Protein backbone atom coordinates (compact mmCIF):
# COMPACT_ATOMS: atom_id res chain seq x y z
CA UNK A 1 6.27 17.26 -19.87
CA UNK A 2 4.55 18.63 -23.07
CA UNK A 3 6.88 21.49 -23.33
CA UNK A 4 9.84 19.36 -22.93
CA UNK A 5 8.71 17.40 -25.78
CA UNK A 6 7.83 20.44 -27.79
CA UNK A 7 11.34 21.69 -27.46
CA UNK A 8 12.94 18.22 -27.95
CA UNK A 9 11.11 18.14 -31.36
CA UNK A 10 12.70 21.73 -32.06
CA UNK A 11 16.26 20.09 -31.82
CA UNK A 12 16.94 20.37 -28.18
CA UNK A 13 18.40 17.26 -26.34
CA UNK A 14 16.48 16.81 -23.16
CA UNK A 15 17.23 14.84 -20.03
CA UNK A 16 15.66 14.59 -16.60
CA UNK A 17 17.08 14.79 -13.09
CA UNK A 18 15.04 13.32 -10.37
CA UNK A 19 15.21 12.04 -6.82
CA UNK A 20 13.17 8.87 -7.64
CA UNK A 21 11.58 7.45 -10.79
CA UNK A 22 8.10 9.22 -10.15
CA UNK A 23 5.36 9.03 -12.75
CA UNK A 24 6.69 12.42 -14.11
CA UNK A 25 10.05 10.82 -14.89
CA UNK A 26 8.49 7.82 -16.18
CA UNK A 27 6.42 9.92 -18.67
CA UNK A 28 9.59 11.65 -19.94
CA UNK A 29 11.24 8.06 -20.45
CA UNK A 30 8.26 7.09 -22.61
CA UNK A 31 8.76 10.25 -24.70
CA UNK A 32 12.49 8.96 -25.46
CA UNK A 33 13.93 11.52 -23.01
CA UNK A 34 17.00 10.29 -20.79
CA UNK A 35 16.46 10.37 -16.95
CA UNK A 36 19.16 10.86 -14.59
CA UNK A 37 18.81 10.33 -10.78
CA UNK A 38 19.84 13.22 -8.68
CA UNK A 39 19.21 14.23 -4.88
CA UNK A 40 16.84 17.01 -5.90
CA UNK A 41 13.53 17.93 -4.02
CA UNK A 42 11.44 17.00 -7.09
CA UNK A 43 11.68 16.15 -10.67
CA UNK A 44 13.98 18.37 -12.82
CA UNK A 45 14.20 18.46 -16.52
CA UNK A 46 17.52 19.28 -18.14
CA UNK A 47 17.93 20.37 -21.70
CA UNK A 48 21.44 20.15 -23.09
CA UNK A 49 23.46 22.24 -24.08
CA UNK A 50 21.33 25.52 -23.65
CA UNK A 51 18.27 24.87 -21.35
CA UNK A 52 17.44 23.60 -17.91
CA UNK A 53 13.76 22.98 -17.25
CA UNK A 54 12.42 22.02 -13.84
CA UNK A 55 8.94 20.25 -14.19
CA UNK A 56 7.41 19.05 -11.02
CA UNK A 57 3.64 18.30 -10.30
CA UNK A 58 3.91 17.11 -6.63
CA UNK A 59 3.45 20.56 -4.83
CA UNK A 60 1.43 22.25 -7.58
CA UNK A 61 -1.26 24.47 -6.09
CA UNK A 62 -4.53 22.84 -7.49
CA UNK A 63 -7.08 23.61 -4.84
CA UNK A 64 -8.23 26.57 -2.67
CA UNK A 65 -7.26 24.32 0.14
CA UNK A 66 -3.73 24.99 -0.29
CA UNK A 67 -4.22 28.55 0.48
CA UNK A 68 -3.48 28.37 4.02
CA UNK A 69 -0.72 27.98 6.53
CA UNK A 70 0.53 24.84 4.94
CA UNK A 71 0.89 26.69 1.47
CA UNK A 72 2.90 29.44 3.25
CA UNK A 73 4.90 26.79 4.80
CA UNK A 74 5.70 24.73 1.86
CA UNK A 75 8.30 27.04 0.26
CA UNK A 76 10.27 26.87 3.61
CA UNK A 77 10.74 23.08 3.15
CA UNK A 78 13.08 23.71 0.15
CA UNK A 79 15.89 23.66 2.29
CA UNK A 80 19.78 24.06 2.03
CA UNK A 81 20.53 20.58 0.98
CA UNK A 82 18.06 20.40 -1.85
CA UNK A 83 19.33 23.77 -3.01
CA UNK A 84 22.94 22.96 -2.81
CA UNK A 85 22.27 19.81 -4.89
CA UNK A 86 20.41 21.93 -7.32
CA UNK A 87 23.17 24.54 -7.63
CA UNK A 88 25.68 21.75 -8.17
CA UNK A 89 23.47 20.32 -11.21
CA UNK A 90 23.45 23.91 -12.43
CA UNK A 91 27.32 24.39 -12.35
CA UNK A 92 27.80 20.97 -13.91
CA UNK A 93 25.31 21.51 -16.92
CA UNK A 94 25.85 25.24 -17.16
CA UNK A 95 22.38 25.98 -18.71
CA UNK A 96 21.60 29.23 -20.05
CA UNK A 97 17.95 29.22 -19.07
CA UNK A 98 16.00 27.70 -16.20
CA UNK A 99 12.34 27.22 -16.77
CA UNK A 100 10.08 26.49 -13.68
CA UNK A 101 6.40 26.11 -12.93
CA UNK A 102 5.42 28.85 -10.56
CA UNK A 103 3.26 27.49 -7.78
CA UNK A 104 2.64 27.53 -4.15
CA UNK A 105 5.15 24.84 -3.46
CA UNK A 106 8.45 26.93 -3.57
CA UNK A 107 9.62 26.51 -7.21
CA UNK A 108 10.66 30.13 -7.06
CA UNK A 109 13.30 29.18 -4.70
CA UNK A 110 14.99 27.38 -7.61
CA UNK A 111 14.54 30.30 -10.06
CA UNK A 112 15.97 32.61 -7.59
CA UNK A 113 18.90 30.57 -6.87
CA UNK A 114 19.48 30.06 -10.83
CA UNK A 115 19.22 33.75 -11.01
CA UNK A 116 21.79 34.30 -8.25
CA UNK A 117 24.30 32.05 -10.17
CA UNK A 118 23.94 33.98 -13.39
CA UNK A 119 21.46 31.91 -15.26
CA UNK A 120 18.61 33.35 -17.10
CA UNK A 121 15.15 32.33 -15.75
CA UNK A 122 11.64 31.82 -17.12
CA UNK A 123 8.61 31.08 -15.04
CA UNK A 124 5.72 29.21 -16.37
CA UNK A 125 2.44 30.41 -14.90
CA UNK A 126 0.04 27.48 -14.89
CA UNK A 127 -1.85 28.67 -12.02
CA UNK A 128 -3.68 31.93 -11.02
CA UNK A 129 -2.35 33.80 -7.73
CA UNK A 130 -2.98 31.78 -4.62
CA UNK A 131 -4.98 34.03 -2.10
CA UNK A 132 -1.83 34.39 0.11
CA UNK A 133 0.50 35.50 -2.64
CA UNK A 134 1.77 38.89 -1.50
CA UNK A 135 3.34 41.90 -3.27
CA UNK A 136 6.81 41.04 -1.80
CA UNK A 137 6.86 37.59 -3.42
CA UNK A 138 5.69 39.31 -6.80
CA UNK A 139 8.27 41.94 -6.53
CA UNK A 140 10.79 39.23 -6.02
CA UNK A 141 9.69 37.28 -9.05
CA UNK A 142 9.64 40.44 -11.01
CA UNK A 143 13.22 41.04 -10.32
CA UNK A 144 14.81 37.43 -10.86
CA UNK A 145 12.43 36.04 -13.72
CA UNK A 146 13.79 37.30 -17.21
CA UNK A 147 10.61 35.82 -18.71
CA UNK A 148 7.16 34.94 -17.82
CA UNK A 149 4.58 32.59 -19.76
CA UNK A 150 0.92 32.01 -19.13
CA UNK A 151 -1.17 29.31 -20.71
CA UNK A 152 -4.06 31.43 -21.26
CA UNK A 153 -4.92 35.22 -21.48
CA UNK A 154 -7.05 34.84 -18.37
CA UNK A 155 -4.18 33.45 -16.38
CA UNK A 156 -1.90 36.16 -17.37
CA UNK A 157 -4.49 39.04 -16.64
CA UNK A 158 -4.96 37.49 -13.16
CA UNK A 159 -1.13 37.62 -12.35
CA UNK A 160 -0.85 41.24 -13.92
CA UNK A 161 -3.68 42.39 -11.64
CA UNK A 162 -1.76 41.11 -8.61
CA UNK A 163 1.11 43.05 -9.71
CA UNK A 164 3.37 40.83 -11.90
CA UNK A 165 5.09 42.74 -14.55
CA UNK A 166 3.58 42.68 -17.85
CA UNK A 167 6.47 43.52 -20.33
CA UNK A 168 8.13 40.18 -20.14
CA UNK A 169 4.84 38.12 -19.93
CA UNK A 170 3.56 36.30 -22.88
CA UNK A 171 0.62 33.83 -23.55
CA UNK A 172 1.78 30.58 -25.16
CA UNK A 173 -1.04 28.09 -25.32
CA UNK A 174 -0.48 24.22 -24.80
CA UNK A 175 0.27 22.28 -27.94
CA UNK A 176 -1.84 19.48 -28.67
CA UNK A 177 -0.43 16.91 -30.75
CA UNK A 178 -2.66 14.52 -32.76
CA UNK A 179 -4.29 11.69 -30.85
CA UNK A 180 -4.80 8.15 -31.98
CA UNK A 181 -8.40 7.07 -30.86
CA UNK A 182 -8.40 4.07 -28.48
CA UNK A 183 -9.76 0.83 -29.85
CA UNK A 184 -10.85 -0.06 -26.44
CA UNK A 185 -14.73 0.37 -25.92
CA UNK A 186 -15.41 2.80 -23.28
CA UNK A 187 -19.03 1.58 -22.93
CA UNK A 188 -17.95 -2.11 -22.37
CA UNK A 189 -15.28 -0.76 -19.89
CA UNK A 190 -18.32 0.80 -17.94
CA UNK A 191 -20.52 -2.30 -18.44
CA UNK A 192 -23.08 -0.64 -20.93
CA UNK A 193 -24.24 -1.65 -24.31
CA UNK A 194 -23.08 -0.29 -27.47
CA UNK A 195 -26.18 1.78 -27.95
CA UNK A 196 -26.05 3.47 -24.64
CA UNK A 197 -25.79 7.42 -24.76
CA UNK A 198 -22.99 8.59 -22.74
CA UNK A 199 -22.01 11.90 -20.97
CA UNK A 200 -18.31 11.82 -20.03
CA UNK A 201 -16.01 13.76 -17.83
CA UNK A 202 -12.22 13.38 -17.17
CA UNK A 203 -10.01 14.57 -14.18
CA UNK A 204 -8.94 13.95 -10.85
CA UNK A 205 -11.52 12.92 -8.42
CA UNK A 206 -11.11 15.97 -6.07
CA UNK A 207 -13.21 18.56 -4.57
CA UNK A 208 -11.99 21.38 -6.90
CA UNK A 209 -12.83 19.54 -10.00
CA UNK A 210 -16.71 19.60 -9.12
CA UNK A 211 -17.71 16.27 -10.33
CA UNK A 212 -20.36 16.40 -7.71
CA UNK A 213 -22.05 19.36 -9.75
CA UNK A 214 -21.94 17.04 -12.75
CA UNK A 215 -23.67 14.23 -10.75
CA UNK A 216 -26.34 16.39 -9.47
CA UNK A 217 -27.05 17.98 -12.80
CA UNK A 218 -27.19 14.61 -14.45
CA UNK A 219 -29.52 13.24 -11.77
CA UNK A 220 -31.82 16.17 -12.20
CA UNK A 221 -32.45 15.12 -15.81
CA UNK A 222 -31.75 11.43 -15.81
CA UNK A 223 -35.37 10.42 -15.51
CA UNK A 224 -36.30 12.07 -18.71
CA UNK A 225 -33.25 10.51 -20.52
CA UNK A 226 -33.40 6.78 -19.59
CA UNK A 227 -30.70 5.90 -22.46
CA UNK A 228 -28.19 8.01 -21.09
CA UNK A 229 -25.30 7.28 -18.55
CA UNK A 230 -22.62 9.43 -17.06
CA UNK A 231 -18.95 8.09 -17.29
CA UNK A 232 -16.15 9.92 -15.25
CA UNK A 233 -12.66 8.83 -15.98
CA UNK A 234 -10.17 9.53 -13.25
CA UNK A 235 -9.32 8.56 -9.68
CA UNK A 236 -8.78 10.24 -6.39
CA UNK A 237 -9.88 10.84 -2.78
CA UNK A 238 -13.43 11.75 -3.70
CA UNK A 239 -14.32 8.42 -5.14
CA UNK A 240 -16.29 7.07 -2.30
CA UNK A 241 -18.06 10.43 -1.55
CA UNK A 242 -18.95 10.79 -5.14
CA UNK A 243 -20.53 7.19 -5.14
CA UNK A 244 -22.45 8.03 -2.13
CA UNK A 245 -23.75 11.10 -3.79
CA UNK A 246 -24.90 8.90 -6.71
CA UNK A 247 -26.78 6.56 -4.41
CA UNK A 248 -28.36 9.41 -2.47
CA UNK A 249 -29.64 10.70 -5.84
CA UNK A 250 -30.80 7.23 -7.09
CA UNK A 251 -28.39 7.33 -10.11
CA UNK A 252 -25.76 5.05 -8.81
CA UNK A 253 -26.36 2.46 -11.59
CA UNK A 254 -26.08 5.22 -14.14
CA UNK A 255 -22.83 6.96 -12.93
CA UNK A 256 -19.65 4.97 -13.81
CA UNK A 257 -16.34 5.97 -12.15
CA UNK A 258 -14.13 3.76 -14.46
CA UNK A 259 -10.71 4.79 -12.72
CA UNK A 260 -7.94 6.39 -14.37
CA UNK A 261 -7.16 5.48 -18.14
CA UNK A 262 -3.87 6.07 -19.72
CA UNK A 263 -4.33 8.38 -22.54
CA UNK A 264 -7.78 9.42 -21.52
CA UNK A 265 -8.06 11.82 -24.46
CA UNK A 266 -8.02 8.76 -26.61
CA UNK A 267 -11.36 7.93 -25.45
CA UNK A 268 -13.22 11.21 -25.83
CA UNK A 269 -14.36 10.57 -29.54
CA UNK A 270 -16.61 7.94 -27.89
CA UNK A 271 -18.57 10.45 -25.92
CA UNK A 272 -21.98 11.62 -27.09
CA UNK A 273 -21.45 14.84 -24.81
CA UNK A 274 -18.17 15.74 -22.94
CA UNK A 275 -19.01 17.70 -19.58
CA UNK A 276 -16.55 19.93 -17.95
CA UNK A 277 -17.77 21.02 -14.49
CA UNK A 278 -14.58 22.57 -13.14
CA UNK A 279 -14.77 26.47 -12.51
CA UNK A 280 -11.74 28.59 -13.24
CA UNK A 281 -9.61 26.36 -15.38
CA UNK A 282 -6.41 28.17 -16.22
CA UNK A 283 -6.34 26.46 -19.77
CA UNK A 284 -8.62 23.21 -19.60
CA UNK A 285 -6.54 20.90 -21.72
CA UNK A 286 -9.06 18.16 -21.61
CA UNK A 287 -11.70 20.55 -22.97
CA UNK A 288 -9.51 21.35 -25.89
CA UNK A 289 -8.78 17.64 -26.35
CA UNK A 290 -12.62 16.93 -26.53
CA UNK A 291 -13.21 19.61 -29.00
CA UNK A 292 -10.28 18.33 -31.20
CA UNK A 293 -11.97 14.88 -30.92
CA UNK A 294 -15.33 16.20 -32.55
CA UNK A 295 -17.19 15.75 -29.32
CA UNK A 296 -19.96 18.20 -28.12
CA UNK A 297 -18.56 20.10 -25.15
CA UNK A 298 -20.36 21.60 -22.19
CA UNK A 299 -18.03 23.36 -19.85
CA UNK A 300 -17.90 25.91 -17.13
CA UNK A 301 -17.80 29.36 -18.60
CA UNK A 302 -14.90 30.75 -16.38
CA UNK A 303 -11.08 30.95 -16.61
CA UNK A 304 -9.39 30.25 -19.84
CA UNK A 305 -12.12 28.01 -21.21
CA UNK A 306 -14.07 30.91 -22.93
CA UNK A 307 -10.93 31.50 -24.92
CA UNK A 308 -11.71 28.22 -26.72
CA UNK A 309 -15.50 27.98 -26.80
CA UNK A 310 -17.73 30.40 -28.36
CA UNK A 311 -21.23 29.81 -27.11
CA UNK A 312 -23.45 28.29 -29.47
CA UNK A 313 -20.70 28.05 -32.22
CA UNK A 314 -17.86 25.84 -30.81
CA UNK A 315 -19.54 24.46 -27.76
CA UNK A 316 -21.88 25.52 -24.78
CA UNK A 317 -20.97 27.33 -21.55
CA UNK A 318 -22.57 27.57 -18.16
CA UNK A 319 -21.97 29.43 -15.06
CA UNK A 320 -23.89 27.81 -12.10
CA UNK A 321 -25.78 24.84 -11.25
CA UNK A 322 -29.05 25.98 -12.73
CA UNK A 323 -27.70 27.03 -16.17
CA UNK A 324 -25.81 23.57 -16.12
CA UNK A 325 -28.98 21.73 -15.71
CA UNK A 326 -30.49 23.69 -18.43
CA UNK A 327 -27.73 23.40 -20.83
CA UNK A 328 -27.22 19.59 -20.29
CA UNK A 329 -30.98 19.04 -20.99
CA UNK A 330 -30.54 21.07 -24.08
CA UNK A 331 -27.54 19.35 -25.41
CA UNK A 332 -28.77 15.68 -24.63
CA UNK A 333 -32.16 16.31 -26.50
CA UNK A 334 -30.61 17.84 -29.44
CA UNK A 335 -29.25 16.20 -32.54
CA UNK A 336 -25.41 16.50 -33.20
CA UNK A 337 -24.70 19.79 -35.05
CA UNK A 338 -21.94 18.83 -37.42
CA UNK A 339 -21.15 22.41 -38.18
CA UNK A 340 -20.39 23.09 -34.35
CA UNK A 341 -18.11 20.04 -34.22
CA UNK A 342 -16.28 21.37 -37.15
CA UNK A 343 -15.95 24.81 -35.91
CA UNK A 344 -14.75 23.43 -32.41
CA UNK A 345 -12.11 21.49 -33.99
CA UNK A 346 -10.87 24.15 -36.27
CA UNK A 347 -10.63 26.63 -33.31
CA UNK A 348 -8.42 24.19 -31.37
CA UNK A 349 -6.12 23.63 -34.36
CA UNK A 350 -5.85 27.45 -34.69
CA UNK A 351 -5.31 28.02 -30.97
CA UNK A 352 -3.24 24.89 -29.99
CA UNK A 353 -1.13 24.12 -33.20
CA UNK A 354 2.51 23.71 -33.48
CA UNK A 355 2.93 27.24 -33.87
CA UNK A 356 2.77 27.38 -29.79
CA UNK A 357 5.97 25.12 -29.96
CA UNK A 358 7.77 27.62 -32.20
CA UNK A 359 6.52 30.42 -29.90
CA UNK A 360 7.92 28.73 -26.91
CA UNK A 361 11.33 27.92 -28.49
CA UNK A 362 11.52 31.46 -29.64
CA UNK A 363 10.69 32.89 -26.14
CA UNK A 364 13.21 30.60 -24.40
CA UNK A 365 15.90 31.65 -26.89
CA UNK A 366 14.96 35.28 -26.34
CA UNK A 367 15.18 34.84 -22.46
CA UNK A 368 18.73 33.18 -22.84
CA UNK A 369 19.86 36.24 -24.85
CA UNK A 370 18.21 38.61 -22.64
CA UNK A 371 16.05 40.20 -25.15
CA UNK A 372 12.61 40.11 -23.31
CA UNK A 373 10.99 43.23 -22.03
CA UNK A 374 14.16 45.46 -22.71
CA UNK A 375 16.36 43.09 -20.54
CA UNK A 376 20.03 43.62 -20.96
CA UNK A 377 22.80 41.10 -20.43
CA UNK A 378 24.16 40.33 -16.96
């Protein structure tokens, strides 16, 4: 969605084709983008007159648990009926570029079809290679993708290590627009007094987000910091288990699962410390949003996160549970370093500014013209 809005700001009219009015399509509507119902497998974003962009999140490979027989079977579920409808949309709209998010669910089937129909294709790598990905699939992608985009240097390097071609592959970070701080009191929502100190995390309550590690680290230091509470913004299947972990560690009254909040980034300025316990994030958008909100950030030092955070200068990093506990105790006991907050904000403005929207526009235009990696016109 963010890329579609960026391209729209660059002057492209954007429409959305979808089977049903899923939350993704609703988000496009809120962005003043027109939505058209089509019998397509998942949401598809269409840019007139020059671009067609497929944006889907329902089949995104977000967990190692997808790297099994189910993950191998999912691409086969993209059957002839859906592909025929997609082909019909391409013939009607006649886009010059199709952009898809490469994932475990079969998006490459649509890119392959677009390529077969003579349309330029760009694959946006928002994940790293699932463990089942093979050389045959990558050879296929190398052949039918005119351009490849990763959202961090780390993501790009992982794909290239697996055999994805480098000459058509660029890094374009997520563009972060300014966020208006929420007027709602996050502490009040959690049932806390205004003077309570709060550690905050944001994300789906799922295993791969590692919120249990955050709760365990907080529990290990909580006795020494009685004024502090841990607020987790998000919803998911792990809610009950995380609540039980909090009970078992005797911090249930100090760990608050407040559910999903629309525009969660608007609350980050209210946190005393933002904790991101998730390992191997490809970019870590919420980390960047916390840095932009001038909040002290403590994050897992893997994936694309170290591209944003320089230890001790723009935030703090940890790599295991022991170092998490040590760093958490350090940041909770230290006064706020205004110079660090200024450095963090400046880093995100530099890394995630509107220049990325311009770079995305240039890249897609180049792909449409067959000017990436020495491509010649078809």
